């Protein structure tokens, strides 16, 4: 892939267009993301902000555009936000900046003229920590009972795709796991 957003977006859009043609899909699930820390005085601030923007906003924006072209009416677009980005993130500026932008994108996609197909929903999931091999490797001493299993998100996405307990478009859904029990809660009431 290229280091140019427009080139990458054009390339992905063209390749998915070749793959799907006129076929429409039930869902587009953008689960890309990552994490990088650093305050505003960190030597790695600019590098980490750039990386977080690419990992979160490039992928979310491209996925949103793909949804306008390939999502069925009533389909589902999910984006990967973060619960931490609902508040200030002074020790992880780039991460918070990028994830809060994903939240804004999701809410904008719920608007009347967003370009999504009729009846389609854009929903952002806002986890705390996902139970992934990379997270386990990076934080081997952590309490894994507070991490959200990927299987929980798979089941949640399946339910939403099939119309079961699907939140309204533009929803920011917090995903919080405590002592092995995961709950979904809207970020704003």
N, C-alpha and C. Protein backbone atom coordinates (compact mmCIF):
# COMPACT_ATOMS: atom_id res chain seq x y z
N UNK A 1 0.83 -1.19 0.00
CA UNK A 1 0.00 0.00 0.00
C UNK A 1 0.88 1.25 0.00
N UNK A 2 0.30 2.28 -0.49
CA UNK A 2 0.96 3.57 -0.61
C UNK A 2 0.85 4.37 0.68
N UNK A 3 1.68 5.40 0.81
CA UNK A 3 1.62 6.28 1.97
C UNK A 3 0.74 7.51 1.68
N UNK A 4 0.04 7.48 0.56
CA UNK A 4 -0.88 8.55 0.21
C UNK A 4 -2.31 8.08 0.46
N UNK A 5 -3.05 8.86 1.23
CA UNK A 5 -4.43 8.49 1.54
C UNK A 5 -5.27 8.38 0.28
N UNK A 6 -5.19 9.35 -0.59
CA UNK A 6 -6.03 9.32 -1.79
C UNK A 6 -5.67 8.15 -2.70
N UNK A 7 -4.38 7.86 -2.82
CA UNK A 7 -3.98 6.71 -3.65
C UNK A 7 -4.48 5.41 -3.04
N UNK A 8 -4.33 5.27 -1.71
CA UNK A 8 -4.79 4.05 -1.05
C UNK A 8 -6.30 3.91 -1.16
N UNK A 9 -7.02 5.00 -0.95
CA UNK A 9 -8.48 4.96 -1.04
C UNK A 9 -8.92 4.57 -2.45
N UNK A 10 -8.29 5.17 -3.46
CA UNK A 10 -8.63 4.84 -4.84
C UNK A 10 -8.32 3.38 -5.15
N UNK A 11 -7.18 2.90 -4.67
CA UNK A 11 -6.78 1.52 -4.92
C UNK A 11 -7.75 0.53 -4.26
N UNK A 12 -8.06 0.75 -3.01
CA UNK A 12 -8.97 -0.16 -2.30
C UNK A 12 -10.36 -0.11 -2.93
N UNK A 13 -10.84 1.09 -3.24
CA UNK A 13 -12.16 1.23 -3.86
C UNK A 13 -12.22 0.49 -5.19
N UNK A 14 -11.18 0.62 -5.98
CA UNK A 14 -11.14 -0.06 -7.28
C UNK A 14 -11.09 -1.57 -7.12
N UNK A 15 -10.27 -2.06 -6.21
CA UNK A 15 -10.13 -3.51 -6.01
C UNK A 15 -11.42 -4.13 -5.48
N UNK A 16 -12.06 -3.46 -4.52
CA UNK A 16 -13.32 -3.98 -3.99
C UNK A 16 -14.39 -3.91 -5.09
N UNK A 17 -14.37 -2.86 -5.88
CA UNK A 17 -15.31 -2.75 -7.00
C UNK A 17 -15.16 -3.88 -7.99
N UNK A 18 -13.92 -4.25 -8.29
CA UNK A 18 -13.66 -5.39 -9.20
C UNK A 18 -14.17 -6.69 -8.58
N UNK A 19 -13.94 -6.85 -7.30
CA UNK A 19 -14.33 -8.07 -6.60
C UNK A 19 -15.85 -8.21 -6.52
N UNK A 20 -16.54 -7.15 -6.15
CA UNK A 20 -17.99 -7.22 -5.92
C UNK A 20 -18.83 -6.87 -7.15
N UNK A 21 -18.30 -6.05 -8.04
CA UNK A 21 -19.10 -5.61 -9.18
C UNK A 21 -20.34 -4.89 -8.68
N UNK A 22 -21.50 -5.35 -9.14
CA UNK A 22 -22.77 -4.74 -8.73
C UNK A 22 -23.37 -5.41 -7.49
N UNK A 23 -22.72 -6.45 -6.98
CA UNK A 23 -23.23 -7.17 -5.81
C UNK A 23 -23.22 -6.27 -4.58
N UNK A 24 -24.27 -6.39 -3.77
CA UNK A 24 -24.38 -5.62 -2.53
C UNK A 24 -24.18 -6.58 -1.35
N UNK A 25 -23.61 -6.07 -0.26
CA UNK A 25 -23.32 -6.89 0.91
C UNK A 25 -24.19 -6.46 2.10
N UNK A 26 -24.38 -7.38 3.03
CA UNK A 26 -25.17 -7.10 4.23
C UNK A 26 -24.45 -6.18 5.20
N UNK A 27 -23.11 -6.28 5.23
CA UNK A 27 -22.36 -5.50 6.22
C UNK A 27 -20.95 -5.23 5.74
N UNK A 28 -20.42 -4.13 6.22
CA UNK A 28 -19.01 -3.79 6.10
C UNK A 28 -18.53 -3.54 7.52
N UNK A 29 -17.60 -4.36 7.97
CA UNK A 29 -17.11 -4.29 9.34
C UNK A 29 -15.68 -3.78 9.33
N UNK A 30 -15.49 -2.57 9.72
CA UNK A 30 -14.15 -1.98 9.81
C UNK A 30 -13.64 -2.24 11.22
N UNK A 31 -12.71 -3.15 11.34
CA UNK A 31 -12.18 -3.50 12.65
C UNK A 31 -10.69 -3.15 12.78
N UNK A 32 -10.20 -2.34 11.85
CA UNK A 32 -8.80 -1.94 11.88
C UNK A 32 -8.55 -0.99 13.03
N UNK A 33 -7.36 -1.04 13.54
CA UNK A 33 -7.00 -0.14 14.62
C UNK A 33 -5.63 -0.47 15.16
N UNK A 34 -5.30 0.14 16.24
CA UNK A 34 -4.02 -0.05 16.89
C UNK A 34 -3.95 0.89 18.07
N UNK A 35 -2.77 0.99 18.65
CA UNK A 35 -2.61 1.87 19.80
C UNK A 35 -1.20 2.43 19.81
N UNK A 36 -1.09 3.68 20.20
CA UNK A 36 0.21 4.31 20.45
C UNK A 36 0.01 5.37 21.51
N UNK A 37 0.94 5.42 22.44
CA UNK A 37 0.89 6.41 23.50
C UNK A 37 1.71 7.63 23.16
N UNK A 38 1.73 8.55 24.10
CA UNK A 38 2.53 9.75 23.94
C UNK A 38 1.74 11.01 24.23
N UNK A 39 2.36 11.89 25.02
CA UNK A 39 1.76 13.18 25.33
C UNK A 39 2.15 14.19 24.25
N UNK A 40 1.70 15.42 24.42
CA UNK A 40 2.00 16.47 23.44
C UNK A 40 3.49 16.81 23.40
N UNK A 41 4.25 16.48 24.45
CA UNK A 41 5.69 16.77 24.43
C UNK A 41 6.53 15.55 24.06
N UNK A 42 5.90 14.46 23.77
CA UNK A 42 6.61 13.23 23.40
C UNK A 42 7.39 13.41 22.10
N UNK A 43 8.57 12.84 22.04
CA UNK A 43 9.38 12.89 20.82
C UNK A 43 8.69 12.17 19.67
N UNK A 44 7.84 11.21 19.99
CA UNK A 44 7.17 10.42 18.95
C UNK A 44 5.76 10.93 18.65
N UNK A 45 5.42 12.13 19.12
CA UNK A 45 4.07 12.66 18.94
C UNK A 45 3.63 12.64 17.48
N UNK A 46 4.41 13.22 16.60
CA UNK A 46 3.98 13.35 15.20
C UNK A 46 3.91 11.98 14.52
N UNK A 47 4.89 11.14 14.79
CA UNK A 47 4.90 9.80 14.21
C UNK A 47 3.68 9.00 14.70
N UNK A 48 3.39 9.07 15.99
CA UNK A 48 2.27 8.32 16.54
C UNK A 48 0.93 8.88 16.08
N UNK A 49 0.82 10.20 15.98
CA UNK A 49 -0.42 10.79 15.46
C UNK A 49 -0.66 10.34 14.02
N UNK A 50 0.37 10.37 13.22
CA UNK A 50 0.27 9.93 11.82
C UNK A 50 -0.16 8.47 11.74
N UNK A 51 0.49 7.62 12.53
CA UNK A 51 0.16 6.19 12.52
C UNK A 51 -1.28 5.95 12.98
N UNK A 52 -1.69 6.61 14.05
CA UNK A 52 -3.05 6.41 14.56
C UNK A 52 -4.09 6.90 13.56
N UNK A 53 -3.81 8.03 12.91
CA UNK A 53 -4.73 8.57 11.91
C UNK A 53 -4.90 7.58 10.77
N UNK A 54 -3.79 7.04 10.30
CA UNK A 54 -3.83 6.08 9.20
C UNK A 54 -4.59 4.81 9.61
N UNK A 55 -4.29 4.29 10.79
CA UNK A 55 -4.91 3.04 11.23
C UNK A 55 -6.39 3.20 11.52
N UNK A 56 -6.80 4.34 12.01
CA UNK A 56 -8.20 4.51 12.39
C UNK A 56 -9.03 5.29 11.38
N UNK A 57 -8.56 6.44 10.97
CA UNK A 57 -9.37 7.29 10.09
C UNK A 57 -9.29 6.90 8.63
N UNK A 58 -8.11 6.54 8.15
CA UNK A 58 -8.05 6.11 6.75
C UNK A 58 -8.97 4.92 6.54
N UNK A 59 -8.84 3.92 7.40
CA UNK A 59 -9.63 2.70 7.23
C UNK A 59 -11.12 2.97 7.41
N UNK A 60 -11.48 3.81 8.37
CA UNK A 60 -12.90 4.12 8.61
C UNK A 60 -13.49 4.92 7.45
N UNK A 61 -12.73 5.86 6.93
CA UNK A 61 -13.22 6.68 5.83
C UNK A 61 -13.37 5.84 4.56
N UNK A 62 -12.39 5.00 4.29
CA UNK A 62 -12.48 4.12 3.11
C UNK A 62 -13.65 3.16 3.27
N UNK A 63 -13.82 2.58 4.45
CA UNK A 63 -14.95 1.67 4.69
C UNK A 63 -16.27 2.38 4.51
N UNK A 64 -16.36 3.62 4.97
CA UNK A 64 -17.59 4.40 4.81
C UNK A 64 -17.90 4.63 3.33
N UNK A 65 -16.88 4.95 2.57
CA UNK A 65 -17.08 5.16 1.13
C UNK A 65 -17.51 3.85 0.46
N UNK A 66 -16.88 2.75 0.84
CA UNK A 66 -17.28 1.45 0.28
C UNK A 66 -18.74 1.14 0.61
N UNK A 67 -19.18 1.53 1.79
CA UNK A 67 -20.58 1.30 2.18
C UNK A 67 -21.54 2.04 1.26
N UNK A 68 -21.16 3.23 0.79
CA UNK A 68 -22.04 3.98 -0.11
C UNK A 68 -22.18 3.28 -1.46
N UNK A 69 -21.21 2.46 -1.80
CA UNK A 69 -21.21 1.79 -3.10
C UNK A 69 -21.72 0.35 -3.04
N UNK A 70 -21.44 -0.34 -1.93
CA UNK A 70 -21.63 -1.79 -1.92
C UNK A 70 -22.54 -2.33 -0.81
N UNK A 71 -23.04 -1.47 0.06
CA UNK A 71 -23.89 -1.93 1.15
C UNK A 71 -25.35 -2.00 0.69
N UNK A 72 -26.03 -3.07 1.10
CA UNK A 72 -27.45 -3.21 0.78
C UNK A 72 -28.26 -2.16 1.55
N UNK A 73 -29.46 -1.88 1.05
CA UNK A 73 -30.38 -1.06 1.83
C UNK A 73 -30.62 -1.79 3.16
N UNK A 74 -30.60 -1.05 4.23
CA UNK A 74 -30.78 -1.66 5.55
C UNK A 74 -29.54 -2.35 6.08
N UNK A 75 -28.42 -2.21 5.39
CA UNK A 75 -27.17 -2.87 5.78
C UNK A 75 -26.52 -2.22 6.99
N UNK A 76 -25.38 -2.80 7.38
CA UNK A 76 -24.68 -2.36 8.59
C UNK A 76 -23.24 -2.01 8.27
N UNK A 77 -22.80 -0.86 8.75
CA UNK A 77 -21.40 -0.45 8.72
C UNK A 77 -20.96 -0.29 10.17
N UNK A 78 -19.91 -1.01 10.56
CA UNK A 78 -19.37 -0.81 11.90
C UNK A 78 -17.99 -0.17 11.79
N UNK A 79 -17.70 0.68 12.75
CA UNK A 79 -16.41 1.35 12.84
C UNK A 79 -15.84 1.10 14.23
N UNK A 80 -14.51 1.17 14.33
CA UNK A 80 -13.83 0.88 15.59
C UNK A 80 -13.41 2.18 16.28
N UNK A 81 -14.20 2.57 17.27
CA UNK A 81 -13.86 3.72 18.09
C UNK A 81 -13.14 3.24 19.35
N UNK A 82 -13.22 4.03 20.41
CA UNK A 82 -12.60 3.64 21.69
C UNK A 82 -13.28 4.39 22.83
N UNK A 83 -13.56 3.66 23.90
CA UNK A 83 -14.18 4.28 25.07
C UNK A 83 -13.30 5.39 25.63
N UNK A 84 -11.99 5.18 25.62
CA UNK A 84 -11.08 6.19 26.17
C UNK A 84 -11.23 7.53 25.47
N UNK A 85 -11.58 7.53 24.19
CA UNK A 85 -11.66 8.77 23.41
C UNK A 85 -12.94 9.56 23.68
N UNK A 86 -13.78 9.10 24.60
CA UNK A 86 -14.93 9.90 25.02
C UNK A 86 -14.49 11.02 25.95
N UNK A 87 -13.28 10.90 26.48
CA UNK A 87 -12.71 11.91 27.37
C UNK A 87 -11.34 12.30 26.83
N UNK A 88 -10.67 13.19 27.49
CA UNK A 88 -9.32 13.56 27.11
C UNK A 88 -8.37 12.38 27.25
N UNK A 89 -7.36 12.35 26.40
CA UNK A 89 -6.38 11.25 26.42
C UNK A 89 -4.97 11.86 26.45
N UNK A 90 -4.59 12.51 27.55
CA UNK A 90 -3.32 13.23 27.59
C UNK A 90 -2.08 12.35 27.42
N UNK A 91 -2.15 11.10 27.78
CA UNK A 91 -1.00 10.21 27.64
C UNK A 91 -0.99 9.42 26.34
N UNK A 92 -1.99 9.67 25.51
CA UNK A 92 -2.08 9.00 24.20
C UNK A 92 -2.83 9.92 23.24
N UNK A 93 -2.20 11.04 22.94
CA UNK A 93 -2.81 12.11 22.15
C UNK A 93 -3.25 11.61 20.78
N UNK A 94 -2.37 10.97 20.04
CA UNK A 94 -2.70 10.51 18.69
C UNK A 94 -3.84 9.52 18.68
N UNK A 95 -3.84 8.61 19.62
CA UNK A 95 -4.89 7.60 19.73
C UNK A 95 -6.24 8.27 19.98
N UNK A 96 -6.29 9.14 20.97
CA UNK A 96 -7.55 9.81 21.30
C UNK A 96 -8.05 10.69 20.18
N UNK A 97 -7.13 11.38 19.51
CA UNK A 97 -7.50 12.24 18.40
C UNK A 97 -8.15 11.43 17.28
N UNK A 98 -7.50 10.33 16.90
CA UNK A 98 -8.00 9.52 15.79
C UNK A 98 -9.32 8.83 16.16
N UNK A 99 -9.40 8.27 17.34
CA UNK A 99 -10.62 7.55 17.72
C UNK A 99 -11.80 8.50 17.90
N UNK A 100 -11.57 9.70 18.43
CA UNK A 100 -12.68 10.65 18.55
C UNK A 100 -13.15 11.09 17.16
N UNK A 101 -12.26 11.13 16.20
CA UNK A 101 -12.66 11.44 14.82
C UNK A 101 -13.51 10.32 14.24
N UNK A 102 -13.22 9.08 14.60
CA UNK A 102 -14.05 7.95 14.17
C UNK A 102 -15.45 8.11 14.75
N UNK A 103 -15.55 8.53 16.00
CA UNK A 103 -16.86 8.75 16.63
C UNK A 103 -17.65 9.81 15.85
N UNK A 104 -16.98 10.89 15.49
CA UNK A 104 -17.64 11.96 14.75
C UNK A 104 -18.09 11.47 13.38
N UNK A 105 -17.25 10.71 12.71
CA UNK A 105 -17.60 10.15 11.40
C UNK A 105 -18.85 9.28 11.51
N UNK A 106 -18.89 8.42 12.51
CA UNK A 106 -20.04 7.54 12.71
C UNK A 106 -21.32 8.35 12.89
N UNK A 107 -21.27 9.37 13.71
CA UNK A 107 -22.46 10.18 13.95
C UNK A 107 -22.86 10.96 12.70
N UNK A 108 -21.89 11.40 11.92
CA UNK A 108 -22.19 12.10 10.67
C UNK A 108 -22.84 11.17 9.65
N UNK A 109 -22.41 9.91 9.63
CA UNK A 109 -22.98 8.95 8.68
C UNK A 109 -24.45 8.65 8.96
N UNK A 110 -24.91 8.96 10.16
CA UNK A 110 -26.32 8.74 10.49
C UNK A 110 -27.21 9.84 9.93
N UNK A 111 -26.61 10.90 9.42
CA UNK A 111 -27.37 12.03 8.91
C UNK A 111 -28.05 11.74 7.59
N UNK A 112 -29.04 12.56 7.29
CA UNK A 112 -29.90 12.38 6.11
C UNK A 112 -29.14 12.32 4.80
N UNK A 113 -28.16 13.15 4.60
CA UNK A 113 -27.45 13.23 3.32
C UNK A 113 -26.04 12.64 3.39
N UNK A 114 -25.84 11.60 4.21
CA UNK A 114 -24.50 11.04 4.39
C UNK A 114 -24.03 10.21 3.21
N UNK A 115 -24.96 9.73 2.39
CA UNK A 115 -24.59 8.89 1.27
C UNK A 115 -24.79 7.41 1.50
N UNK A 116 -25.07 7.02 2.75
CA UNK A 116 -25.34 5.60 3.01
C UNK A 116 -26.67 5.21 2.37
N UNK A 117 -26.82 3.93 2.04
CA UNK A 117 -28.08 3.47 1.45
C UNK A 117 -29.26 3.66 2.43
N UNK A 118 -30.48 3.73 1.91
CA UNK A 118 -31.65 3.87 2.77
C UNK A 118 -31.71 2.76 3.83
N UNK A 119 -31.98 3.16 5.05
CA UNK A 119 -32.14 2.19 6.14
C UNK A 119 -30.85 1.60 6.67
N UNK A 120 -29.71 1.96 6.08
CA UNK A 120 -28.43 1.45 6.56
C UNK A 120 -28.08 2.11 7.89
N UNK A 121 -27.30 1.40 8.69
CA UNK A 121 -26.87 1.93 9.99
C UNK A 121 -25.36 1.94 10.08
N UNK A 122 -24.83 3.04 10.58
CA UNK A 122 -23.41 3.15 10.93
C UNK A 122 -23.33 3.14 12.45
N UNK A 123 -22.58 2.20 13.00
CA UNK A 123 -22.46 2.06 14.44
C UNK A 123 -20.99 1.91 14.79
N UNK A 124 -20.53 2.65 15.79
CA UNK A 124 -19.15 2.51 16.25
C UNK A 124 -19.14 1.74 17.57
N UNK A 125 -18.25 0.76 17.65
CA UNK A 125 -18.04 0.07 18.92
C UNK A 125 -16.86 0.74 19.61
N UNK A 126 -17.01 0.93 20.92
CA UNK A 126 -16.01 1.63 21.71
C UNK A 126 -15.50 0.72 22.82
N UNK A 127 -14.60 -0.20 22.50
CA UNK A 127 -14.09 -1.10 23.53
C UNK A 127 -13.08 -0.40 24.44
N UNK A 128 -12.80 -1.06 25.56
CA UNK A 128 -11.72 -0.63 26.45
C UNK A 128 -10.46 -1.33 25.98
N UNK A 129 -10.41 -2.65 26.13
CA UNK A 129 -9.29 -3.46 25.65
C UNK A 129 -9.85 -4.74 25.07
N UNK A 130 -9.41 -5.07 23.87
CA UNK A 130 -9.82 -6.31 23.23
C UNK A 130 -8.81 -7.41 23.56
N UNK A 131 -9.32 -8.62 23.73
CA UNK A 131 -8.46 -9.76 24.04
C UNK A 131 -7.89 -10.33 22.75
N UNK A 132 -6.76 -9.76 22.33
CA UNK A 132 -6.09 -10.19 21.11
C UNK A 132 -4.71 -10.77 21.46
N UNK A 133 -4.16 -11.59 20.59
CA UNK A 133 -2.80 -12.11 20.84
C UNK A 133 -1.78 -10.99 21.03
N UNK A 134 -1.87 -9.91 20.25
CA UNK A 134 -0.91 -8.81 20.37
C UNK A 134 -1.05 -8.13 21.73
N UNK A 135 -2.29 -7.90 22.20
CA UNK A 135 -2.47 -7.28 23.51
C UNK A 135 -1.94 -8.19 24.62
N UNK A 136 -2.16 -9.48 24.51
CA UNK A 136 -1.63 -10.40 25.52
C UNK A 136 -0.11 -10.39 25.54
N UNK A 137 0.48 -10.31 24.36
CA UNK A 137 1.94 -10.27 24.26
C UNK A 137 2.48 -8.96 24.85
N UNK A 138 1.80 -7.85 24.55
CA UNK A 138 2.24 -6.53 25.01
C UNK A 138 2.01 -6.30 26.49
N UNK A 139 0.98 -6.96 27.05
CA UNK A 139 0.62 -6.74 28.46
C UNK A 139 0.40 -8.07 29.17
N UNK A 140 1.45 -8.90 29.29
CA UNK A 140 1.28 -10.25 29.84
C UNK A 140 0.84 -10.30 31.30
N UNK A 141 1.04 -9.22 32.05
CA UNK A 141 0.68 -9.20 33.47
C UNK A 141 -0.71 -8.62 33.72
N UNK A 142 -1.42 -8.26 32.67
CA UNK A 142 -2.73 -7.60 32.82
C UNK A 142 -3.80 -8.58 33.28
N UNK A 143 -4.90 -8.03 33.76
CA UNK A 143 -6.07 -8.81 34.16
C UNK A 143 -6.93 -9.06 32.91
N UNK A 144 -6.79 -10.25 32.33
CA UNK A 144 -7.50 -10.57 31.09
C UNK A 144 -9.01 -10.66 31.29
N UNK A 145 -9.47 -10.78 32.52
CA UNK A 145 -10.92 -10.86 32.77
C UNK A 145 -11.60 -9.52 32.50
N UNK A 146 -10.81 -8.46 32.31
CA UNK A 146 -11.40 -7.16 31.99
C UNK A 146 -11.26 -6.84 30.50
N UNK A 147 -10.83 -7.82 29.72
CA UNK A 147 -10.66 -7.63 28.28
C UNK A 147 -11.82 -8.27 27.55
N UNK A 148 -12.26 -7.65 26.49
CA UNK A 148 -13.41 -8.15 25.73
C UNK A 148 -12.95 -9.23 24.75
N UNK A 149 -13.56 -10.43 24.86
CA UNK A 149 -13.22 -11.50 23.90
C UNK A 149 -13.71 -11.14 22.50
N UNK A 150 -12.91 -11.45 21.50
CA UNK A 150 -13.31 -11.17 20.12
C UNK A 150 -14.59 -11.91 19.75
N UNK A 151 -14.80 -13.07 20.33
CA UNK A 151 -16.01 -13.85 20.05
C UNK A 151 -17.27 -13.07 20.43
N UNK A 152 -17.17 -12.27 21.49
CA UNK A 152 -18.31 -11.45 21.90
C UNK A 152 -18.66 -10.45 20.79
N UNK A 153 -17.64 -9.81 20.23
CA UNK A 153 -17.90 -8.85 19.16
C UNK A 153 -18.43 -9.54 17.90
N UNK A 154 -17.92 -10.72 17.60
CA UNK A 154 -18.41 -11.48 16.43
C UNK A 154 -19.90 -11.76 16.60
N UNK A 155 -20.29 -12.21 17.77
CA UNK A 155 -21.70 -12.50 18.04
C UNK A 155 -22.55 -11.22 17.99
N UNK A 156 -22.01 -10.14 18.53
CA UNK A 156 -22.72 -8.86 18.50
C UNK A 156 -22.93 -8.39 17.07
N UNK A 157 -21.87 -8.45 16.26
CA UNK A 157 -22.00 -8.03 14.86
C UNK A 157 -23.01 -8.90 14.12
N UNK A 158 -22.97 -10.19 14.36
CA UNK A 158 -23.94 -11.09 13.71
C UNK A 158 -25.37 -10.69 14.09
N UNK A 159 -25.59 -10.43 15.36
CA UNK A 159 -26.93 -10.02 15.80
C UNK A 159 -27.36 -8.73 15.10
N UNK A 160 -26.47 -7.75 15.04
CA UNK A 160 -26.82 -6.48 14.43
C UNK A 160 -27.08 -6.64 12.93
N UNK A 161 -26.29 -7.48 12.27
CA UNK A 161 -26.49 -7.70 10.83
C UNK A 161 -27.86 -8.30 10.57
N UNK A 162 -28.28 -9.20 11.45
CA UNK A 162 -29.57 -9.88 11.27
C UNK A 162 -30.72 -9.11 11.91
N UNK A 163 -30.43 -7.90 12.41
CA UNK A 163 -31.48 -7.03 12.93
C UNK A 163 -31.81 -7.22 14.40
N UNK A 164 -31.10 -8.09 15.07
CA UNK A 164 -31.38 -8.36 16.49
C UNK A 164 -30.63 -7.34 17.37
N UNK A 165 -31.38 -6.59 18.14
CA UNK A 165 -30.83 -5.61 19.09
C UNK A 165 -29.90 -4.59 18.44
N UNK A 166 -30.16 -4.27 17.18
CA UNK A 166 -29.30 -3.30 16.49
C UNK A 166 -29.59 -1.89 17.00
N UNK A 167 -28.55 -1.19 17.47
CA UNK A 167 -28.74 0.21 17.87
C UNK A 167 -29.06 1.08 16.66
N UNK A 168 -29.53 2.27 16.91
CA UNK A 168 -29.83 3.19 15.81
C UNK A 168 -28.54 3.68 15.17
N UNK A 169 -28.68 4.09 13.92
CA UNK A 169 -27.52 4.59 13.19
C UNK A 169 -26.93 5.80 13.90
N UNK A 170 -25.61 5.86 13.92
CA UNK A 170 -24.90 6.93 14.60
C UNK A 170 -24.56 6.62 16.04
N UNK A 171 -25.00 5.46 16.52
CA UNK A 171 -24.74 5.10 17.92
C UNK A 171 -23.26 4.82 18.17
N UNK A 172 -22.82 5.26 19.33
CA UNK A 172 -21.48 4.94 19.83
C UNK A 172 -21.71 3.98 20.99
N UNK A 173 -21.31 2.74 20.81
CA UNK A 173 -21.63 1.70 21.78
C UNK A 173 -20.38 1.29 22.56
N UNK A 174 -20.39 1.62 23.86
CA UNK A 174 -19.29 1.23 24.73
C UNK A 174 -19.31 -0.28 24.95
N UNK A 175 -18.15 -0.88 24.90
CA UNK A 175 -18.00 -2.32 25.10
C UNK A 175 -17.08 -2.49 26.31
N UNK A 176 -17.68 -2.84 27.46
CA UNK A 176 -16.94 -2.90 28.71
C UNK A 176 -17.05 -4.30 29.30
N UNK A 177 -15.89 -4.88 29.61
CA UNK A 177 -15.84 -6.21 30.21
C UNK A 177 -15.29 -6.08 31.62
N UNK A 178 -16.03 -6.64 32.58
CA UNK A 178 -15.63 -6.65 33.98
C UNK A 178 -15.80 -8.06 34.51
N UNK A 179 -14.72 -8.61 35.07
CA UNK A 179 -14.74 -9.95 35.63
C UNK A 179 -15.35 -10.96 34.66
N UNK A 180 -14.96 -10.87 33.40
CA UNK A 180 -15.39 -11.83 32.37
C UNK A 180 -16.78 -11.59 31.81
N UNK A 181 -17.48 -10.56 32.27
CA UNK A 181 -18.83 -10.28 31.76
C UNK A 181 -18.78 -8.99 30.94
N UNK A 182 -19.25 -9.09 29.69
CA UNK A 182 -19.19 -7.94 28.79
C UNK A 182 -20.57 -7.33 28.61
N UNK A 183 -20.62 -6.00 28.65
CA UNK A 183 -21.88 -5.27 28.47
C UNK A 183 -21.71 -4.21 27.39
N UNK A 184 -22.80 -3.99 26.67
CA UNK A 184 -22.87 -2.94 25.66
C UNK A 184 -23.72 -1.80 26.21
N UNK A 185 -23.20 -0.57 26.15
CA UNK A 185 -23.91 0.58 26.67
C UNK A 185 -23.74 1.76 25.71
N UNK A 186 -24.84 2.43 25.34
CA UNK A 186 -24.69 3.63 24.51
C UNK A 186 -23.83 4.67 25.23
N UNK A 187 -22.98 5.35 24.46
CA UNK A 187 -22.10 6.35 25.06
C UNK A 187 -22.86 7.59 25.49
N UNK A 188 -23.90 7.94 24.75
CA UNK A 188 -24.69 9.13 25.07
C UNK A 188 -26.14 8.73 25.18
N UNK A 189 -26.82 9.26 26.18
CA UNK A 189 -28.21 8.89 26.39
C UNK A 189 -29.12 10.00 25.96
